[in-house]
Amino acid sequence: MLGFNEEELREQLSSAVALRPQIESLVDQLQNIDNVLLIGSGGTYAQMWPYEYLARRHSKLPVRAAISRELIESGDAWLGTGTLAVFASASGTTEDVLLAIDYVKSKGATTVAFTGIGDSPIAQNVDHALVCAPKTWPFDPQLLLLVGRIMNVRGEFDGYPSLADELVHLPDAVIEAAKATEDKAKAFAEAHKDSDYYFLIGGGPLWGLTYLYSMCVLEEMQWLHTTRVNAAEFFHGSLELLEADTPVLIFQGEDETRPLTDRAEAFAKRISNDVTVLDNRDYELAGFSPENRALIAPIVLDIAVGRFSKHLERVRDHSLDLRRYYRVMDY
């Protein structure tokens, strides 16, 4: 498989799942939490959305995602001594996240960070640093455990124990999903070597991945133009951009919003002759029950679509590490 380090990915996912005892212990220690702010920038902000969505469905505890720098400038009426502020950073050095940590701490919030670098500035500046293997991505397993445990302790999420138990199967399940996607990813890249515009659709817990793949991969890492739209909003403007040759990439889950994505897919296929669907149902995901398959879809499809990235990098001769502006120029 092109650019695929199975051993490294297994180590990263296993280390994330292995944080379960620490996460549960931390949640059990937390007292008087009035609200949770899931704070990030770019990709880490997008990764917070599925867990805001999950909490909105199950819990009366106020939980929402926030953009690091916007939070600093605008403030938040929830923010105070009863706030649990959660951060994630692969490098542990993201400037906007560091500034946000200082800001929420000045308001009395309790801070938690997930990172792969234990001695990084972010890890050193929060109250509780939960460290996994270097370069670990995505942070979804940790966020799923954290938010799931919080809701479970409150008596709002009875499915947490089975979910947490089944996560031990995550490395194998995700690696097999990546392997099952390889041929599809290669064919997609070959067919789109010269495409400079993509239309992306996803909804519910997969809206974050849709946003992330559009902005942080196709735009940032490949300098391609995109339109991204939530499946529930597809019929309120963006659909007018579809033409017969528009490349459409759809992320499809197994949750309650699936009918909305089905509807968008059906319409897209009426207009465009170039629609590609990544569907969580297409993967075996051994060891996961039907109710938990939907919860891990953001993780599975993130790794699966990563195969598309590697093959686009190859056919376009454009490194995924190449930047013109991000962390190159001051702004």
Protein backbone atom coordinates (compact mmCIF):
# COMPACT_ATOMS: atom_id res chain seq x y z
CA MET A 1 0.00 0.00 0.00
CA LEU A 2 1.27 3.42 -0.97
CA GLY A 3 2.78 5.34 1.95
CA PHE A 4 1.01 3.17 4.52
CA ASN A 5 2.80 2.37 7.77
CA GLU A 6 0.59 -0.26 9.36
CA GLU A 7 2.79 -0.69 12.43
CA GLU A 8 2.83 3.04 13.16
CA LEU A 9 -0.93 3.42 12.71
CA ARG A 10 -1.59 0.44 14.96
CA GLU A 11 0.65 1.92 17.65
CA GLN A 12 -1.08 5.29 17.42
CA LEU A 13 -4.62 3.95 17.63
CA SER A 14 -3.72 1.45 20.34
CA SER A 15 -2.12 4.17 22.44
CA ALA A 16 -5.22 6.34 22.06
CA VAL A 17 -7.56 3.54 23.12
CA ALA A 18 -5.21 2.63 26.00
CA LEU A 19 -5.93 6.03 27.56
CA ARG A 20 -9.32 4.70 28.69
CA PRO A 21 -8.31 4.14 32.37
CA GLN A 22 -6.78 7.62 32.60
CA ILE A 23 -9.77 9.24 30.95
CA GLU A 24 -12.24 7.44 33.18
CA SER A 25 -10.22 8.27 36.29
CA LEU A 26 -10.09 11.92 35.29
CA VAL A 27 -13.82 12.13 34.64
CA ASP A 28 -14.53 10.47 37.97
CA GLN A 29 -12.39 13.12 39.69
CA LEU A 30 -14.09 16.06 38.06
CA GLN A 31 -16.60 17.81 40.25
CA ASN A 32 -19.14 20.53 39.56
CA ILE A 33 -18.71 20.60 35.79
CA ASP A 34 -21.38 22.93 34.43
CA ASN A 35 -20.41 22.80 30.76
CA VAL A 36 -17.82 21.48 28.33
CA LEU A 37 -16.04 23.49 25.64
CA LEU A 38 -14.30 21.44 22.95
CA ILE A 39 -11.73 23.90 21.63
CA GLY A 40 -9.58 23.57 18.54
CA SER A 41 -8.22 25.17 15.40
CA GLY A 42 -8.59 23.88 11.85
CA GLY A 43 -8.55 20.09 11.88
CA THR A 44 -8.79 19.77 15.65
CA TYR A 45 -11.79 22.11 15.69
CA ALA A 46 -13.49 19.97 13.03
CA GLN A 47 -12.71 16.84 15.05
CA MET A 48 -14.66 18.24 17.99
CA TRP A 49 -17.95 18.43 16.09
CA PRO A 50 -18.98 14.75 16.27
CA TYR A 51 -18.77 14.89 20.06
CA GLU A 52 -20.74 18.09 20.35
CA TYR A 53 -23.29 16.32 18.15
CA LEU A 54 -23.20 13.17 20.31
CA ALA A 55 -23.73 15.17 23.51
CA ARG A 56 -26.54 17.16 21.94
CA ARG A 57 -28.37 13.91 21.23
CA HIS A 58 -27.89 12.28 24.62
CA SER A 59 -27.11 14.86 27.29
CA LYS A 60 -28.57 17.90 28.96
CA LEU A 61 -25.06 19.01 29.85
CA PRO A 62 -24.11 21.99 27.67
CA VAL A 63 -21.34 20.82 25.31
CA ARG A 64 -20.16 22.76 22.28
CA ALA A 65 -17.21 23.12 19.96
CA ALA A 66 -15.36 26.43 19.78
CA ILE A 67 -12.69 27.93 17.51
CA SER A 68 -9.64 28.80 19.59
CA ARG A 69 -8.97 32.32 18.37
CA GLU A 70 -12.63 33.28 18.04
CA LEU A 71 -13.23 32.21 21.63
CA ILE A 72 -10.46 34.53 22.82
CA GLU A 73 -11.87 37.50 20.95
CA SER A 74 -15.58 36.93 21.58
CA GLY A 75 -15.63 35.24 24.96
CA ASP A 76 -18.32 32.78 25.98
CA ALA A 77 -21.12 33.20 28.49
CA TRP A 78 -20.58 29.62 29.66
CA LEU A 79 -16.89 30.05 30.39
CA GLY A 80 -16.00 30.03 34.08
CA THR A 81 -14.95 27.89 37.03
CA GLY A 82 -17.51 25.23 36.05
CA THR A 83 -16.09 24.82 32.54
CA LEU A 84 -14.16 21.77 31.37
CA ALA A 85 -12.08 23.01 28.41
CA VAL A 86 -10.80 20.24 26.12
CA PHE A 87 -8.01 20.66 23.57
CA ALA A 88 -6.15 18.45 21.08
CA SER A 89 -2.94 18.99 19.12
CA ALA A 90 -0.76 16.51 17.29
CA SER A 91 2.31 18.73 17.57
CA GLY A 92 1.47 20.26 20.92
CA THR A 93 2.59 23.62 19.57
CA THR A 94 -0.45 25.12 17.79
CA GLU A 95 -0.23 28.83 18.60
CA ASP A 96 -3.96 29.58 18.68
CA VAL A 97 -4.54 26.62 20.99
CA LEU A 98 -1.82 27.78 23.36
CA LEU A 99 -3.39 31.22 23.52
CA ALA A 100 -6.82 29.70 24.16
CA ILE A 101 -5.47 27.58 27.01
CA ASP A 102 -4.13 30.68 28.73
CA TYR A 103 -7.42 32.48 28.11
CA VAL A 104 -9.74 29.82 29.56
CA LYS A 105 -7.44 29.26 32.52
CA SER A 106 -7.68 32.97 33.29
CA LYS A 107 -11.46 32.45 33.53
CA GLY A 108 -11.08 29.56 35.96
CA ALA A 109 -11.72 26.64 33.59
CA THR A 110 -10.27 23.17 34.13
CA THR A 111 -8.13 22.27 31.11
CA VAL A 112 -7.50 18.92 29.45
CA ALA A 113 -5.41 18.24 26.35
CA PHE A 114 -4.82 15.23 24.14
CA THR A 115 -1.45 15.24 22.39
CA GLY A 116 1.30 12.94 21.21
CA ILE A 117 4.13 15.01 22.66
CA GLY A 118 4.34 14.86 26.44
CA ASP A 119 6.83 17.68 26.89
CA SER A 120 5.19 20.00 24.35
CA PRO A 121 4.00 23.50 25.32
CA ILE A 122 0.36 22.45 25.20
CA ALA A 123 0.93 19.40 27.39
CA GLN A 124 2.88 21.52 29.87
CA ASN A 125 0.26 24.27 30.07
CA VAL A 126 -2.93 22.33 30.81
CA ASP A 127 -4.14 20.91 34.10
CA HIS A 128 -4.40 17.40 32.67
CA ALA A 129 -2.35 16.16 29.70
CA LEU A 130 -3.31 12.78 28.24
CA VAL A 131 -0.46 11.65 26.02
CA CYS A 132 -0.58 9.04 23.28
CA ALA A 133 1.99 7.94 20.69
CA PRO A 134 3.67 10.68 18.61
CA LYS A 135 1.88 11.73 15.40
CA THR A 136 -1.38 10.13 16.55
CA TRP A 137 -4.28 11.16 14.35
CA PRO A 138 -7.22 11.38 14.59
CA PHE A 139 -8.07 12.22 18.22
CA ASP A 140 -11.58 10.81 17.91
CA PRO A 141 -11.04 7.74 20.14
CA GLN A 142 -9.99 9.90 23.09
CA LEU A 143 -12.79 12.41 22.54
CA LEU A 144 -15.33 9.60 22.20
CA LEU A 145 -14.14 8.08 25.48
CA LEU A 146 -14.10 11.41 27.29
CA VAL A 147 -17.52 12.67 26.23
CA GLY A 148 -19.01 9.18 26.47
CA ARG A 149 -17.73 8.73 30.01
CA ILE A 150 -19.00 12.14 31.11
CA MET A 151 -22.48 11.32 29.85
CA ASN A 152 -22.36 7.82 31.32
CA VAL A 153 -21.51 9.13 34.78
CA ARG A 154 -24.48 11.49 34.48
CA GLY A 155 -26.77 8.54 33.66
CA GLU A 156 -27.30 9.70 30.09
CA PHE A 157 -25.36 7.18 27.99
CA ASP A 158 -25.84 3.55 29.00
CA GLY A 159 -24.03 2.36 25.90
CA TYR A 160 -20.66 3.67 27.06
CA PRO A 161 -19.30 0.42 28.64
CA SER A 162 -19.92 -1.64 25.51
CA LEU A 163 -18.48 1.09 23.30
CA ALA A 164 -15.35 1.44 25.42
CA ASP A 165 -14.90 -2.33 25.51
CA GLU A 166 -15.26 -2.64 21.74
CA LEU A 167 -12.68 0.08 21.05
CA VAL A 168 -9.93 -2.48 21.66
CA HIS A 169 -10.86 -3.77 18.19
CA LEU A 170 -10.37 -0.33 16.62
CA PRO A 171 -6.79 -0.73 15.32
CA ASP A 172 -7.59 -3.96 13.46
CA ALA A 173 -10.91 -2.65 12.16
CA VAL A 174 -9.46 0.61 10.85
CA ILE A 175 -6.40 -0.99 9.28
CA GLU A 176 -8.61 -3.46 7.43
CA ALA A 177 -10.82 -0.58 6.26
CA ALA A 178 -7.76 1.24 4.93
CA LYS A 179 -6.66 -1.86 3.03
CA ALA A 180 -10.16 -2.31 1.61
CA THR A 181 -10.07 1.28 0.31
CA GLU A 182 -6.72 1.08 -1.46
CA ASP A 183 -7.92 0.11 -4.93
CA LYS A 184 -10.76 2.63 -4.80
CA ALA A 185 -8.37 5.37 -3.72
CA LYS A 186 -5.91 4.57 -6.50
CA ALA A 187 -8.66 4.61 -9.13
CA PHE A 188 -10.07 7.88 -7.78
CA ALA A 189 -6.69 9.58 -7.90
CA GLU A 190 -5.93 8.35 -11.42
CA ALA A 191 -9.31 9.59 -12.64
CA HIS A 192 -8.86 13.00 -10.96
CA LYS A 193 -5.23 13.76 -11.66
CA ASP A 194 -6.18 17.01 -13.38
CA SER A 195 -9.33 17.90 -11.43
CA ASP A 196 -8.98 21.24 -9.66
CA TYR A 197 -12.39 21.44 -7.99
CA TYR A 198 -14.27 19.06 -5.68
CA PHE A 199 -17.73 19.10 -4.09
CA LEU A 200 -17.95 17.36 -0.68
CA ILE A 201 -21.09 16.28 1.21
CA GLY A 202 -21.50 14.82 4.69
CA GLY A 203 -23.78 15.21 7.66
CA GLY A 204 -24.43 14.43 11.31
CA PRO A 205 -21.29 13.06 12.99
CA LEU A 206 -19.50 13.09 9.62
CA TRP A 207 -19.90 16.79 8.94
CA GLY A 208 -16.68 17.48 10.83
CA LEU A 209 -14.75 15.08 8.59
CA THR A 210 -16.33 16.63 5.49
CA TYR A 211 -15.15 20.08 6.59
CA LEU A 212 -11.73 18.77 7.60
CA TYR A 213 -11.04 16.87 4.38
CA SER A 214 -12.19 19.79 2.27
CA MET A 215 -10.24 22.53 4.05
CA CYS A 216 -7.29 20.79 5.71
CA VAL A 217 -6.44 18.26 3.00
CA LEU A 218 -7.71 19.19 -0.45
CA GLU A 219 -7.25 22.95 0.08
CA GLU A 220 -4.31 23.17 2.49
CA MET A 221 -2.32 20.12 1.41
CA GLN A 222 -3.17 20.00 -2.30
CA TRP A 223 -4.16 23.61 -3.11
CA LEU A 224 -7.41 22.51 -4.73
CA HIS A 225 -10.68 24.42 -4.81
CA THR A 226 -13.63 22.88 -2.95
CA THR A 227 -17.19 23.40 -1.89
CA ARG A 228 -18.28 21.61 1.30
CA VAL A 229 -21.88 21.36 2.42
CA ASN A 230 -23.79 19.61 5.19
CA ALA A 231 -26.16 17.01 3.73
CA ALA A 232 -29.05 18.65 5.57
CA GLU A 233 -28.25 22.00 3.88
CA PHE A 234 -27.46 20.62 0.44
CA PHE A 235 -30.76 21.78 -1.07
CA HIS A 236 -30.40 25.35 0.15
CA GLY A 237 -27.86 26.81 -2.24
CA SER A 238 -24.74 24.76 -2.92
CA LEU A 239 -26.46 22.27 -5.20
CA GLU A 240 -26.59 24.99 -7.89
CA LEU A 241 -22.85 24.48 -8.41
CA LEU A 242 -23.26 20.89 -9.62
CA GLU A 243 -22.61 20.12 -13.26
CA ALA A 244 -22.28 16.88 -15.21
CA ASP A 245 -18.52 16.70 -14.71
CA THR A 246 -18.32 17.96 -11.10
CA PRO A 247 -16.36 15.53 -8.88
CA VAL A 248 -18.53 14.84 -5.82
CA LEU A 249 -17.18 13.07 -2.74
CA ILE A 250 -19.76 11.90 -0.18
CA PHE A 251 -19.15 10.65 3.37
CA GLN A 252 -21.93 8.29 4.45
CA GLY A 253 -22.46 7.01 7.99
CA GLU A 254 -24.76 4.61 9.78
CA ASP A 255 -26.40 7.08 12.15
CA GLU A 256 -29.85 8.65 12.17
CA THR A 257 -28.87 11.31 9.61
CA ARG A 258 -28.17 8.73 6.91
CA PRO A 259 -31.46 9.46 5.07
CA LEU A 260 -30.35 13.07 4.62
CA THR A 261 -27.11 11.96 2.96
CA ASP A 262 -29.01 9.36 0.91
CA ARG A 263 -31.22 12.16 -0.40
CA ALA A 264 -28.24 14.34 -1.32
CA GLU A 265 -26.47 11.40 -2.98
CA ALA A 266 -29.51 10.54 -5.07
CA PHE A 267 -29.81 14.08 -6.32
CA ALA A 268 -26.07 14.49 -6.96
CA LYS A 269 -26.11 11.37 -9.12
CA ARG A 270 -28.93 12.83 -11.21
CA ILE A 271 -26.69 15.76 -12.17
CA SER A 272 -23.07 14.62 -11.93
CA ASN A 273 -21.52 11.63 -13.63
CA ASP A 274 -18.65 11.71 -11.15
CA VAL A 275 -19.93 10.80 -7.66
CA THR A 276 -17.78 8.83 -5.21
CA VAL A 277 -19.21 7.57 -1.91
CA LEU A 278 -17.26 6.44 1.14
CA ASP A 279 -19.81 4.47 3.13
CA ASN A 280 -19.13 3.14 6.61
CA ARG A 281 -21.47 0.21 5.84
CA ASP A 282 -19.01 -1.08 3.26
CA TYR A 283 -16.47 -2.01 5.93
CA GLU A 284 -16.51 -5.16 8.05
CA LEU A 285 -15.46 -3.46 11.33
CA ALA A 286 -15.11 -6.79 13.13
CA GLY A 287 -15.80 -6.62 16.84
CA PHE A 288 -18.22 -3.69 16.67
CA SER A 289 -21.93 -3.93 17.37
CA PRO A 290 -24.43 -2.17 15.08
CA GLU A 291 -25.02 0.67 17.54
CA ASN A 292 -21.31 1.37 17.91
CA ARG A 293 -20.40 1.18 14.22
CA ALA A 294 -22.08 4.57 13.75
CA LEU A 295 -20.03 6.09 16.58
CA ILE A 296 -16.68 5.10 15.08
CA ALA A 297 -17.55 6.19 11.53
CA PRO A 298 -15.59 9.48 11.80
CA ILE A 299 -12.47 7.48 12.69
CA VAL A 300 -12.95 4.79 10.04
CA LEU A 301 -13.66 7.18 7.19
CA ASP A 302 -10.88 9.58 8.23
CA ILE A 303 -8.32 6.79 7.84
CA ALA A 304 -10.02 5.43 4.71
CA VAL A 305 -10.05 8.78 2.89
CA GLY A 306 -6.43 9.18 3.88
CA ARG A 307 -5.71 6.60 1.20
CA PHE A 308 -7.22 9.04 -1.34
CA SER A 309 -4.80 11.69 -0.07
CA LYS A 310 -1.75 9.51 -0.56
CA HIS A 311 -2.71 8.63 -4.12
CA LEU A 312 -3.57 12.23 -5.00
CA GLU A 313 -0.17 13.22 -3.68
CA ARG A 314 1.41 10.69 -6.04
CA VAL A 315 -0.49 11.43 -9.24
CA ARG A 316 -0.32 15.21 -8.76
CA ASP A 317 3.33 15.16 -7.65
CA HIS A 318 2.34 17.50 -4.83
CA SER A 319 3.58 16.60 -1.35
CA LEU A 320 1.02 16.60 1.44
CA ASP A 321 3.62 18.44 3.53
CA LEU A 322 4.04 21.34 1.10
CA ARG A 323 2.74 24.73 2.25
CA ARG A 324 2.94 28.24 0.84
CA TYR A 325 1.64 30.15 3.85
CA TYR A 326 0.69 27.99 6.85
CA ARG A 327 3.55 28.05 9.36
CA VAL A 328 5.66 29.58 6.58
CA MET A 329 4.60 33.22 6.75
CA ASP A 330 3.67 35.34 9.77
CA TYR A 331 0.04 36.36 10.01
